[in-house]
C-alpha atoms as a PDB file:
ATOM      1  CA  UNK A   1     101.486 -28.868-165.696  1.00  0.00           C
ATOM      2  CA  UNK A   2      99.335 -31.088-163.469  1.00  0.00           C
ATOM      3  CA  UNK A   3      98.496 -28.104-161.270  1.00  0.00           C
ATOM      4  CA  UNK A   4      97.324 -26.123-164.309  1.00  0.00           C
ATOM      5  CA  UNK A   5      95.108 -29.015-165.399  1.00  0.00           C
ATOM      6  CA  UNK A   6      93.625 -29.309-161.908  1.00  0.00           C
ATOM      7  CA  UNK A   7      92.976 -25.565-161.718  1.00  0.00           C
ATOM      8  CA  UNK A   8      91.262 -25.657-165.124  1.00  0.00           C
ATOM      9  CA  UNK A   9      89.080 -28.595-164.050  1.00  0.00           C
ATOM     10  CA  UNK A  10      88.145 -26.796-160.828  1.00  0.00           C
ATOM     11  CA  UNK A  11      87.285 -23.621-162.739  1.00  0.00           C
ATOM     12  CA  UNK A  12      85.029 -25.626-165.060  1.00  0.00           C
ATOM     13  CA  UNK A  13      83.400 -27.190-161.993  1.00  0.00           C
ATOM     14  CA  UNK A  14      82.937 -23.715-160.486  1.00  0.00           C
ATOM     15  CA  UNK A  15      81.053 -22.514-163.561  1.00  0.00           C
ATOM     16  CA  UNK A  16      79.064 -25.765-163.714  1.00  0.00           C
ATOM     17  CA  UNK A  17      77.874 -25.236-160.121  1.00  0.00           C
ATOM     18  CA  UNK A  18      76.979 -21.635-160.920  1.00  0.00           C
ATOM     19  CA  UNK A  19      75.030 -22.738-164.021  1.00  0.00           C
ATOM     20  CA  UNK A  20      73.323 -25.473-161.987  1.00  0.00           C
ATOM     21  CA  UNK A  21      72.097 -22.876-159.478  1.00  0.00           C
ATOM     22  CA  UNK A  22      70.785 -20.584-162.222  1.00  0.00           C
ATOM     23  CA  UNK A  23      69.076 -23.458-164.056  1.00  0.00           C
ATOM     24  CA  UNK A  24      67.389 -24.575-160.838  1.00  0.00           C
ATOM     25  CA  UNK A  25      65.365 -21.343-160.939  1.00  0.00           C
ATOM     26  CA  UNK A  26      64.011 -22.059-164.448  1.00  0.00           C
ATOM     27  CA  UNK A  27      60.986 -24.348-164.629  1.00  0.00           C
ATOM     28  CA  UNK A  28      61.336 -26.754-167.569  1.00  0.00           C
ATOM     29  CA  UNK A  29      59.926 -30.040-168.770  1.00  0.00           C
ATOM     30  CA  UNK A  30      62.059 -33.162-168.925  1.00  0.00           C
ATOM     31  CA  UNK A  31      62.150 -33.175-172.739  1.00  0.00           C
ATOM     32  CA  UNK A  32      63.248 -29.527-173.036  1.00  0.00           C
ATOM     33  CA  UNK A  33      66.972 -29.023-173.846  1.00  0.00           C
ATOM     34  CA  UNK A  34      67.430 -26.869-170.728  1.00  0.00           C
ATOM     35  CA  UNK A  35      65.798 -29.616-168.671  1.00  0.00           C
ATOM     36  CA  UNK A  36      68.202 -32.190-170.106  1.00  0.00           C
ATOM     37  CA  UNK A  37      71.153 -29.919-169.347  1.00  0.00           C
ATOM     38  CA  UNK A  38      69.891 -29.424-165.806  1.00  0.00           C
ATOM     39  CA  UNK A  39      69.582 -33.199-165.284  1.00  0.00           C
ATOM     40  CA  UNK A  40      73.108 -33.679-166.611  1.00  0.00           C
ATOM     41  CA  UNK A  41      74.450 -31.079-164.200  1.00  0.00           C
ATOM     42  CA  UNK A  42      72.478 -32.763-161.399  1.00  0.00           C
ATOM     43  CA  UNK A  43      74.481 -35.950-161.965  1.00  0.00           C
ATOM     44  CA  UNK A  44      77.730 -33.988-161.687  1.00  0.00           C
ATOM     45  CA  UNK A  45      76.877 -31.586-158.858  1.00  0.00           C
ATOM     46  CA  UNK A  46      74.552 -33.513-156.503  1.00  0.00           C
ATOM     47  CA  UNK A  47      77.234 -35.978-155.320  1.00  0.00           C
ATOM     48  CA  UNK A  48      79.304 -32.953-154.261  1.00  0.00           C
ATOM     49  CA  UNK A  49      76.388 -31.025-152.737  1.00  0.00           C
ATOM     50  CA  UNK A  50      74.787 -33.893-150.784  1.00  0.00           C
ATOM     51  CA  UNK A  51      77.489 -34.197-148.079  1.00  0.00           C
ATOM     52  CA  UNK A  52      77.387 -30.430-147.568  1.00  0.00           C
ATOM     53  CA  UNK A  53      73.574 -30.518-147.263  1.00  0.00           C
ATOM     54  CA  UNK A  54      73.864 -33.158-144.528  1.00  0.00           C
ATOM     55  CA  UNK A  55      76.021 -30.754-142.503  1.00  0.00           C
ATOM     56  CA  UNK A  56      74.230 -27.520-143.485  1.00  0.00           C
ATOM     57  CA  UNK A  57      70.581 -28.264-144.295  1.00  0.00           C
ATOM     58  CA  UNK A  58      68.549 -25.691-146.256  1.00  0.00           C
ATOM     59  CA  UNK A  59      67.253 -22.847-144.079  1.00  0.00           C
ATOM     60  CA  UNK A  60      63.526 -22.198-143.877  1.00  0.00           C
ATOM     61  CA  UNK A  61      62.798 -18.568-144.704  1.00  0.00           C
ATOM     62  CA  UNK A  62      59.130 -17.669-144.684  1.00  0.00           C
ATOM     63  CA  UNK A  63      57.456 -19.968-147.178  1.00  0.00           C
ATOM     64  CA  UNK A  64      60.637 -21.058-148.932  1.00  0.00           C
ATOM     65  CA  UNK A  65      64.017 -22.617-148.384  1.00  0.00           C
ATOM     66  CA  UNK A  66      67.482 -21.114-148.749  1.00  0.00           C
ATOM     67  CA  UNK A  67      70.084 -23.711-149.718  1.00  0.00           C
ATOM     68  CA  UNK A  68      73.571 -22.524-148.746  1.00  0.00           C
ATOM     69  CA  UNK A  69      75.335 -25.696-149.917  1.00  0.00           C
ATOM     70  CA  UNK A  70      76.149 -24.367-153.439  1.00  0.00           C
ATOM     71  CA  UNK A  71      77.752 -21.284-151.882  1.00  0.00           C
ATOM     72  CA  UNK A  72      79.832 -23.470-149.572  1.00  0.00           C
ATOM     73  CA  UNK A  73      80.895 -25.625-152.542  1.00  0.00           C
ATOM     74  CA  UNK A  74      81.845 -22.566-154.617  1.00  0.00           C
ATOM     75  CA  UNK A  75      83.932 -21.193-151.734  1.00  0.00           C
ATOM     76  CA  UNK A  76      85.597 -24.588-151.227  1.00  0.00           C
ATOM     77  CA  UNK A  77      86.477 -24.788-154.922  1.00  0.00           C
ATOM     78  CA  UNK A  78      88.056 -21.328-154.788  1.00  0.00           C
ATOM     79  CA  UNK A  79      90.040 -22.273-151.670  1.00  0.00           C
ATOM     80  CA  UNK A  80      91.395 -25.384-153.386  1.00  0.00           C
ATOM     81  CA  UNK A  81      92.285 -23.342-156.490  1.00  0.00           C
ATOM     82  CA  UNK A  82      94.144 -20.886-154.279  1.00  0.00           C
ATOM     83  CA  UNK A  83      96.062 -23.709-152.580  1.00  0.00           C
ATOM     84  CA  UNK A  84      96.963 -25.420-155.866  1.00  0.00           C
ATOM     85  CA  UNK A  85      98.209 -22.219-157.479  1.00  0.00           C
END
């Protein structure tokens, strides 16, 4: 019962991280509904991403940056789900 609840919460977090990544590619204003959703996801995801970014900083590729921390977080979530199940 508790394991099922934890797995469900982790799956929701997985999709929230995925949505956060997709929304980060969309330029919006702060008063746009997508912008508000993105800021809300920032408050949920950034505390989880920040420690990973300290260990694995974004990579400079040409003129841009490649942030691997969301991928690491998604993999970690799936590992925890696999352990809990």
